[in-house]
All heavy atoms as atom14 arrays in JSON, in Angstrom:
{
  "sequence": "TGGTQEGYINLVTPKFQSPSSASLGTVAMTFHLLPA",
  "atom14_mask": [
    [1, 1, 1, 1, 1, 1, 1, 0, 0, 0, 0, 0, 0, 0],
    [1, 1, 1, 1, 0, 0, 0, 0, 0, 0, 0, 0, 0, 0],
    [1, 1, 1, 1, 0, 0, 0, 0, 0, 0, 0, 0, 0, 0],
    [1, 1, 1, 1, 1, 1, 1, 0, 0, 0, 0, 0, 0, 0],
    [1, 1, 1, 1, 1, 1, 1, 1, 1, 0, 0, 0, 0, 0],
    [1, 1, 1, 1, 1, 1, 1, 1, 1, 0, 0, 0, 0, 0],
    [1, 1, 1, 1, 0, 0, 0, 0, 0, 0, 0, 0, 0, 0],
    [1, 1, 1, 1, 1, 1, 1, 1, 1, 1, 1, 1, 0, 0],
    [1, 1, 1, 1, 1, 1, 1, 1, 0, 0, 0, 0, 0, 0],
    [1, 1, 1, 1, 1, 1, 1, 1, 0, 0, 0, 0, 0, 0],
    [1, 1, 1, 1, 1, 1, 1, 1, 0, 0, 0, 0, 0, 0],
    [1, 1, 1, 1, 1, 1, 1, 0, 0, 0, 0, 0, 0, 0],
    [1, 1, 1, 1, 1, 1, 1, 0, 0, 0, 0, 0, 0, 0],
    [1, 1, 1, 1, 1, 1, 1, 0, 0, 0, 0, 0, 0, 0],
    [1, 1, 1, 1, 1, 1, 1, 1, 1, 0, 0, 0, 0, 0],
    [1, 1, 1, 1, 1, 1, 1, 1, 1, 1, 1, 0, 0, 0],
    [1, 1, 1, 1, 1, 1, 1, 1, 1, 0, 0, 0, 0, 0],
    [1, 1, 1, 1, 1, 1, 0, 0, 0, 0, 0, 0, 0, 0],
    [1, 1, 1, 1, 1, 1, 1, 0, 0, 0, 0, 0, 0, 0],
    [1, 1, 1, 1, 1, 1, 0, 0, 0, 0, 0, 0, 0, 0],
    [1, 1, 1, 1, 1, 1, 0, 0, 0, 0, 0, 0, 0, 0],
    [1, 1, 1, 1, 1, 0, 0, 0, 0, 0, 0, 0, 0, 0],
    [1, 1, 1, 1, 1, 1, 0, 0, 0, 0, 0, 0, 0, 0],
    [1, 1, 1, 1, 1, 1, 1, 1, 0, 0, 0, 0, 0, 0],
    [1, 1, 1, 1, 0, 0, 0, 0, 0, 0, 0, 0, 0, 0],
    [1, 1, 1, 1, 1, 1, 1, 0, 0, 0, 0, 0, 0, 0],
    [1, 1, 1, 1, 1, 1, 1, 0, 0, 0, 0, 0, 0, 0],
    [1, 1, 1, 1, 1, 0, 0, 0, 0, 0, 0, 0, 0, 0],
    [1, 1, 1, 1, 1, 1, 1, 1, 0, 0, 0, 0, 0, 0],
    [1, 1, 1, 1, 1, 1, 1, 0, 0, 0, 0, 0, 0, 0],
    [1, 1, 1, 1, 1, 1, 1, 1, 1, 1, 1, 0, 0, 0],
    [1, 1, 1, 1, 1, 1, 1, 1, 1, 1, 0, 0, 0, 0],
    [1, 1, 1, 1, 1, 1, 1, 1, 0, 0, 0, 0, 0, 0],
    [1, 1, 1, 1, 1, 1, 1, 1, 0, 0, 0, 0, 0, 0],
    [1, 1, 1, 1, 1, 1, 1, 0, 0, 0, 0, 0, 0, 0],
    [1, 1, 1, 1, 1, 0, 0, 0, 0, 0, 0, 0, 0, 0]
  ],
  "atom14_positions": [
    [[0.85, -1.19, 0.0], [0.0, 0.0, 0.0], [0.88, 1.24, 0.0], [2.06, 1.18, 0.36], [-0.91, 0.04, 1.25], [-0.08, 0.02, 2.42], [-1.86, -1.14, 1.28], [0.0, 0.0, 0.0], [0.0, 0.0, 0.0], [0.0, 0.0, 0.0], [0.0, 0.0, 0.0], [0.0, 0.0, 0.0], [0.0, 0.0, 0.0], [0.0, 0.0, 0.0]],
    [[0.29, 2.37, -0.41], [1.04, 3.62, -0.4], [1.39, 4.12, -1.78], [2.03, 5.17, -1.93], [0.0, 0.0, 0.0], [0.0, 0.0, 0.0], [0.0, 0.0, 0.0], [0.0, 0.0, 0.0], [0.0, 0.0, 0.0], [0.0, 0.0, 0.0], [0.0, 0.0, 0.0], [0.0, 0.0, 0.0], [0.0, 0.0, 0.0], [0.0, 0.0, 0.0]],
    [[0.94, 3.4, -2.83], [1.19, 3.85, -4.19], [0.25, 4.97, -4.59], [-0.67, 5.34, -3.85], [0.0, 0.0, 0.0], [0.0, 0.0, 0.0], [0.0, 0.0, 0.0], [0.0, 0.0, 0.0], [0.0, 0.0, 0.0], [0.0, 0.0, 0.0], [0.0, 0.0, 0.0], [0.0, 0.0, 0.0], [0.0, 0.0, 0.0], [0.0, 0.0, 0.0]],
    [[0.45, 5.51, -5.78], [-0.38, 6.6, -6.3], [-1.71, 6.05, -6.76], [-1.77, 5.09, -7.52], [0.33, 7.31, -7.47], [1.6, 7.79, -7.03], [-0.5, 8.46, -7.99], [0.0, 0.0, 0.0], [0.0, 0.0, 0.0], [0.0, 0.0, 0.0], [0.0, 0.0, 0.0], [0.0, 0.0, 0.0], [0.0, 0.0, 0.0], [0.0, 0.0, 0.0]],
    [[-2.79, 6.69, -6.32], [-4.13, 6.28, -6.73], [-4.44, 6.78, -8.13], [-3.95, 7.84, -8.55], [-5.18, 6.81, -5.75], [-5.01, 6.29, -4.33], [-5.24, 4.79, -4.22], [-5.98, 4.21, -5.02], [-4.62, 4.16, -3.24], [0.0, 0.0, 0.0], [0.0, 0.0, 0.0], [0.0, 0.0, 0.0], [0.0, 0.0, 0.0], [0.0, 0.0, 0.0]],
    [[-5.26, 6.05, -8.86], [-5.67, 6.46, -10.21], [-6.45, 7.77, -10.13], [-7.29, 7.96, -9.26], [-6.55, 5.39, -10.86], [-5.84, 4.06, -11.07], [-4.71, 4.14, -12.07], [-4.76, 5.02, -12.93], [-3.77, 3.33, -11.98], [0.0, 0.0, 0.0], [0.0, 0.0, 0.0], [0.0, 0.0, 0.0], [0.0, 0.0, 0.0], [0.0, 0.0, 0.0]],
    [[-6.16, 8.67, -11.05], [-6.89, 9.94, -11.1], [-6.38, 10.96, -10.11], [-6.94, 12.05, -9.99], [0.0, 0.0, 0.0], [0.0, 0.0, 0.0], [0.0, 0.0, 0.0], [0.0, 0.0, 0.0], [0.0, 0.0, 0.0], [0.0, 0.0, 0.0], [0.0, 0.0, 0.0], [0.0, 0.0, 0.0], [0.0, 0.0, 0.0], [0.0, 0.0, 0.0]],
    [[-5.31, 10.63, -9.39], [-4.77, 11.57, -8.42], [-4.13, 12.75, -9.13], [-3.39, 12.59, -10.08], [-3.73, 10.87, -7.55], [-3.04, 11.77, -6.55], [-3.62, 12.05, -5.33], [-1.8, 12.33, -6.85], [-2.98, 12.88, -4.42], [-1.16, 13.15, -5.96], [-1.74, 13.42, -4.74], [-1.11, 14.23, -3.85], [0.0, 0.0, 0.0], [0.0, 0.0, 0.0]],
    [[-4.46, 13.94, -8.68], [-3.9, 15.15, -9.27], [-3.12, 15.91, -8.19], [-3.65, 16.18, -7.11], [-5.0, 16.07, -9.83], [-5.78, 15.33, -10.92], [-4.39, 17.36, -10.4], [-6.94, 16.13, -11.47], [0.0, 0.0, 0.0], [0.0, 0.0, 0.0], [0.0, 0.0, 0.0], [0.0, 0.0, 0.0], [0.0, 0.0, 0.0], [0.0, 0.0, 0.0]],
    [[-1.9, 16.21, -8.47], [-1.08, 16.95, -7.53], [-1.28, 18.43, -7.77], [-0.78, 18.99, -8.74], [0.39, 16.56, -7.72], [1.27, 17.2, -6.66], [0.78, 17.6, -5.62], [2.56, 17.29, -6.95], [0.0, 0.0, 0.0], [0.0, 0.0, 0.0], [0.0, 0.0, 0.0], [0.0, 0.0, 0.0], [0.0, 0.0, 0.0], [0.0, 0.0, 0.0]],
    [[-2.08, 19.07, -6.91], [-2.36, 20.48, -7.07], [-1.25, 21.32, -6.48], [-0.84, 21.11, -5.34], [-3.68, 20.84, -6.38], [-4.94, 20.17, -6.96], [-6.15, 20.52, -6.12], [-5.16, 20.61, -8.4], [0.0, 0.0, 0.0], [0.0, 0.0, 0.0], [0.0, 0.0, 0.0], [0.0, 0.0, 0.0], [0.0, 0.0, 0.0], [0.0, 0.0, 0.0]],
    [[-0.77, 22.26, -7.26], [0.28, 23.15, -6.79], [-0.27, 24.55, -6.74], [-0.73, 25.08, -7.75], [1.51, 23.1, -7.73], [2.59, 24.05, -7.23], [2.05, 21.68, -7.81], [0.0, 0.0, 0.0], [0.0, 0.0, 0.0], [0.0, 0.0, 0.0], [0.0, 0.0, 0.0], [0.0, 0.0, 0.0], [0.0, 0.0, 0.0], [0.0, 0.0, 0.0]],
    [[-0.28, 25.15, -5.57], [-0.79, 26.51, -5.43], [0.21, 27.48, -6.03], [1.38, 27.5, -5.63], [-0.99, 26.86, -3.94], [-1.84, 25.88, -3.37], [-1.59, 28.25, -3.79], [0.0, 0.0, 0.0], [0.0, 0.0, 0.0], [0.0, 0.0, 0.0], [0.0, 0.0, 0.0], [0.0, 0.0, 0.0], [0.0, 0.0, 0.0], [0.0, 0.0, 0.0]],
    [[-0.22, 28.3, -7.0], [0.71, 29.24, -7.62], [1.18, 30.28, -6.62], [0.42, 30.74, -5.77], [-0.12, 29.87, -8.75], [-1.52, 29.71, -8.31], [-1.58, 28.42, -7.55], [0.0, 0.0, 0.0], [0.0, 0.0, 0.0], [0.0, 0.0, 0.0], [0.0, 0.0, 0.0], [0.0, 0.0, 0.0], [0.0, 0.0, 0.0], [0.0, 0.0, 0.0]],
    [[2.43, 30.6, -6.7], [2.99, 31.61, -5.82], [3.22, 32.89, -6.6], [3.9, 32.9, -7.62], [4.32, 31.11, -5.23], [4.18, 29.9, -4.33], [5.52, 29.5, -3.75], [5.36, 28.3, -2.81], [6.65, 27.88, -2.24], [0.0, 0.0, 0.0], [0.0, 0.0, 0.0], [0.0, 0.0, 0.0], [0.0, 0.0, 0.0], [0.0, 0.0, 0.0]],
    [[2.61, 33.95, -6.12], [2.77, 35.23, -6.79], [3.86, 36.02, -6.09], [3.87, 36.14, -4.87], [1.45, 36.02, -6.75], [0.32, 35.32, -7.47], [-0.61, 34.56, -6.78], [0.22, 35.4, -8.85], [-1.63, 33.91, -7.44], [-0.8, 34.74, -9.52], [-1.73, 34.0, -8.81], [0.0, 0.0, 0.0], [0.0, 0.0, 0.0], [0.0, 0.0, 0.0]],
    [[4.73, 36.57, -6.89], [5.83, 37.33, -6.33], [5.33, 38.68, -5.86], [4.63, 39.38, -6.59], [6.93, 37.51, -7.38], [8.15, 38.24, -6.83], [9.24, 38.33, -7.87], [9.05, 37.9, -9.0], [10.37, 38.89, -7.5], [0.0, 0.0, 0.0], [0.0, 0.0, 0.0], [0.0, 0.0, 0.0], [0.0, 0.0, 0.0], [0.0, 0.0, 0.0]],
    [[5.65, 39.03, -4.62], [5.22, 40.32, -4.1], [5.98, 41.42, -4.81], [7.15, 41.27, -5.16], [5.5, 40.39, -2.59], [6.89, 40.21, -2.35], [0.0, 0.0, 0.0], [0.0, 0.0, 0.0], [0.0, 0.0, 0.0], [0.0, 0.0, 0.0], [0.0, 0.0, 0.0], [0.0, 0.0, 0.0], [0.0, 0.0, 0.0], [0.0, 0.0, 0.0]],
    [[5.31, 42.53, -5.07], [5.98, 43.62, -5.77], [7.16, 44.13, -4.98], [7.12, 44.18, -3.74], [4.88, 44.67, -5.91], [3.9, 44.35, -4.83], [3.93, 42.86, -4.7], [0.0, 0.0, 0.0], [0.0, 0.0, 0.0], [0.0, 0.0, 0.0], [0.0, 0.0, 0.0], [0.0, 0.0, 0.0], [0.0, 0.0, 0.0], [0.0, 0.0, 0.0]],
    [[8.21, 44.46, -5.69], [9.41, 44.94, -5.02], [9.2, 46.35, -4.49], [8.27, 47.04, -4.88], [10.59, 44.94, -6.01], [10.34, 45.86, -7.05], [0.0, 0.0, 0.0], [0.0, 0.0, 0.0], [0.0, 0.0, 0.0], [0.0, 0.0, 0.0], [0.0, 0.0, 0.0], [0.0, 0.0, 0.0], [0.0, 0.0, 0.0], [0.0, 0.0, 0.0]],
    [[10.09, 46.78, -3.61], [9.98, 48.13, -3.06], [10.16, 49.17, -4.15], [9.57, 50.24, -4.13], [11.05, 48.31, -1.98], [12.35, 48.08, -2.5], [0.0, 0.0, 0.0], [0.0, 0.0, 0.0], [0.0, 0.0, 0.0], [0.0, 0.0, 0.0], [0.0, 0.0, 0.0], [0.0, 0.0, 0.0], [0.0, 0.0, 0.0], [0.0, 0.0, 0.0]],
    [[10.95, 48.83, -5.16], [11.17, 49.77, -6.27], [9.89, 49.98, -7.04], [9.52, 51.1, -7.38], [12.28, 49.25, -7.19], [0.0, 0.0, 0.0], [0.0, 0.0, 0.0], [0.0, 0.0, 0.0], [0.0, 0.0, 0.0], [0.0, 0.0, 0.0], [0.0, 0.0, 0.0], [0.0, 0.0, 0.0], [0.0, 0.0, 0.0], [0.0, 0.0, 0.0]],
    [[9.18, 48.86, -7.35], [7.94, 49.0, -8.11], [6.88, 49.71, -7.29], [6.08, 50.5, -7.81], [7.43, 47.62, -8.55], [7.19, 46.8, -7.43], [0.0, 0.0, 0.0], [0.0, 0.0, 0.0], [0.0, 0.0, 0.0], [0.0, 0.0, 0.0], [0.0, 0.0, 0.0], [0.0, 0.0, 0.0], [0.0, 0.0, 0.0], [0.0, 0.0, 0.0]],
    [[6.86, 49.44, -5.96], [5.91, 50.13, -5.09], [6.19, 51.63, -5.07], [5.29, 52.46, -5.08], [5.98, 49.57, -3.67], [5.35, 48.19, -3.46], [5.64, 47.7, -2.05], [3.85, 48.23, -3.7], [0.0, 0.0, 0.0], [0.0, 0.0, 0.0], [0.0, 0.0, 0.0], [0.0, 0.0, 0.0], [0.0, 0.0, 0.0], [0.0, 0.0, 0.0]],
    [[7.48, 51.95, -5.07], [7.85, 53.37, -5.08], [7.42, 54.05, -6.35], [6.95, 55.19, -6.35], [0.0, 0.0, 0.0], [0.0, 0.0, 0.0], [0.0, 0.0, 0.0], [0.0, 0.0, 0.0], [0.0, 0.0, 0.0], [0.0, 0.0, 0.0], [0.0, 0.0, 0.0], [0.0, 0.0, 0.0], [0.0, 0.0, 0.0], [0.0, 0.0, 0.0]],
    [[7.55, 53.33, -7.48], [7.14, 53.91, -8.76], [5.65, 54.17, -8.79], [5.18, 55.2, -9.26], [7.53, 52.96, -9.9], [8.93, 52.73, -9.85], [7.15, 53.55, -11.24], [0.0, 0.0, 0.0], [0.0, 0.0, 0.0], [0.0, 0.0, 0.0], [0.0, 0.0, 0.0], [0.0, 0.0, 0.0], [0.0, 0.0, 0.0], [0.0, 0.0, 0.0]],
    [[4.87, 53.18, -8.29], [3.41, 53.33, -8.25], [3.02, 54.51, -7.37], [2.16, 55.32, -7.7], [2.75, 52.02, -7.74], [1.27, 52.24, -7.52], [2.98, 50.9, -8.74], [0.0, 0.0, 0.0], [0.0, 0.0, 0.0], [0.0, 0.0, 0.0], [0.0, 0.0, 0.0], [0.0, 0.0, 0.0], [0.0, 0.0, 0.0], [0.0, 0.0, 0.0]],
    [[3.66, 54.62, -6.19], [3.34, 55.7, -5.26], [3.66, 57.06, -5.89], [2.89, 58.02, -5.76], [4.14, 55.51, -3.97], [0.0, 0.0, 0.0], [0.0, 0.0, 0.0], [0.0, 0.0, 0.0], [0.0, 0.0, 0.0], [0.0, 0.0, 0.0], [0.0, 0.0, 0.0], [0.0, 0.0, 0.0], [0.0, 0.0, 0.0], [0.0, 0.0, 0.0]],
    [[4.79, 57.14, -6.57], [5.17, 58.4, -7.22], [4.18, 58.79, -8.31], [3.81, 59.95, -8.48], [6.58, 58.26, -7.82], [7.08, 59.53, -8.49], [7.27, 60.89, -7.3], [8.69, 60.32, -6.38], [0.0, 0.0, 0.0], [0.0, 0.0, 0.0], [0.0, 0.0, 0.0], [0.0, 0.0, 0.0], [0.0, 0.0, 0.0], [0.0, 0.0, 0.0]],
    [[3.69, 57.76, -9.05], [2.72, 58.02, -10.12], [1.43, 58.61, -9.55], [0.9, 59.59, -10.07], [2.41, 56.73, -10.89], [3.63, 56.21, -11.43], [1.42, 57.0, -12.01], [0.0, 0.0, 0.0], [0.0, 0.0, 0.0], [0.0, 0.0, 0.0], [0.0, 0.0, 0.0], [0.0, 0.0, 0.0], [0.0, 0.0, 0.0], [0.0, 0.0, 0.0]],
    [[0.93, 58.0, -8.47], [-0.3, 58.52, -7.85], [-0.07, 59.92, -7.25], [-0.96, 60.76, -7.26], [-0.79, 57.56, -6.76], [-1.55, 56.4, -7.31], [-1.0, 55.13, -7.31], [-2.82, 56.57, -7.85], [-1.7, 54.05, -7.84], [-3.53, 55.49, -8.36], [-2.98, 54.23, -8.37], [0.0, 0.0, 0.0], [0.0, 0.0, 0.0], [0.0, 0.0, 0.0]],
    [[1.12, 60.17, -6.74], [1.42, 61.46, -6.14], [1.42, 62.57, -7.19], [0.98, 63.7, -6.95], [2.78, 61.38, -5.44], [3.22, 62.69, -4.84], [2.62, 63.22, -3.71], [4.2, 63.57, -5.23], [3.2, 64.39, -3.43], [4.17, 64.61, -4.33], [0.0, 0.0, 0.0], [0.0, 0.0, 0.0], [0.0, 0.0, 0.0], [0.0, 0.0, 0.0]],
    [[1.92, 62.28, -8.38], [2.02, 63.28, -9.44], [0.77, 63.39, -10.29], [0.63, 64.32, -11.08], [3.22, 62.94, -10.36], [4.61, 63.0, -9.7], [5.65, 62.55, -10.7], [4.91, 64.42, -9.22], [0.0, 0.0, 0.0], [0.0, 0.0, 0.0], [0.0, 0.0, 0.0], [0.0, 0.0, 0.0], [0.0, 0.0, 0.0], [0.0, 0.0, 0.0]],
    [[-0.17, 62.43, -10.13], [-1.34, 62.41, -10.99], [-2.15, 63.72, -10.95], [-2.52, 64.26, -12.01], [-2.23, 61.22, -10.63], [-3.43, 60.96, -11.56], [-2.97, 60.78, -13.0], [-4.19, 59.73, -11.1], [0.0, 0.0, 0.0], [0.0, 0.0, 0.0], [0.0, 0.0, 0.0], [0.0, 0.0, 0.0], [0.0, 0.0, 0.0], [0.0, 0.0, 0.0]],
    [[-2.47, 64.27, -9.76], [-3.26, 65.53, -9.74], [-2.56, 66.66, -10.49], [-3.2, 67.41, -11.24], [-3.38, 65.84, -8.25], [-3.24, 64.52, -7.58], [-2.24, 63.77, -8.4], [0.0, 0.0, 0.0], [0.0, 0.0, 0.0], [0.0, 0.0, 0.0], [0.0, 0.0, 0.0], [0.0, 0.0, 0.0], [0.0, 0.0, 0.0], [0.0, 0.0, 0.0]],
    [[-1.26, 66.83, -10.29], [-0.54, 67.9, -10.96], [-0.56, 67.71, -12.47], [-0.7, 68.67, -13.24], [0.91, 67.92, -10.45], [0.0, 0.0, 0.0], [0.0, 0.0, 0.0], [0.0, 0.0, 0.0], [0.0, 0.0, 0.0], [0.0, 0.0, 0.0], [0.0, 0.0, 0.0], [0.0, 0.0, 0.0], [0.0, 0.0, 0.0], [0.0, 0.0, 0.0]]
  ]
}
């Protein structure tokens, strides 16, 4: 016992990379300058 069962699917949860501090800074700067 202990083998792989028929129809077994190994689900892998996708990992999303968190935005870097540089990209966050760019987004913040864009919103800051938008009104002007």
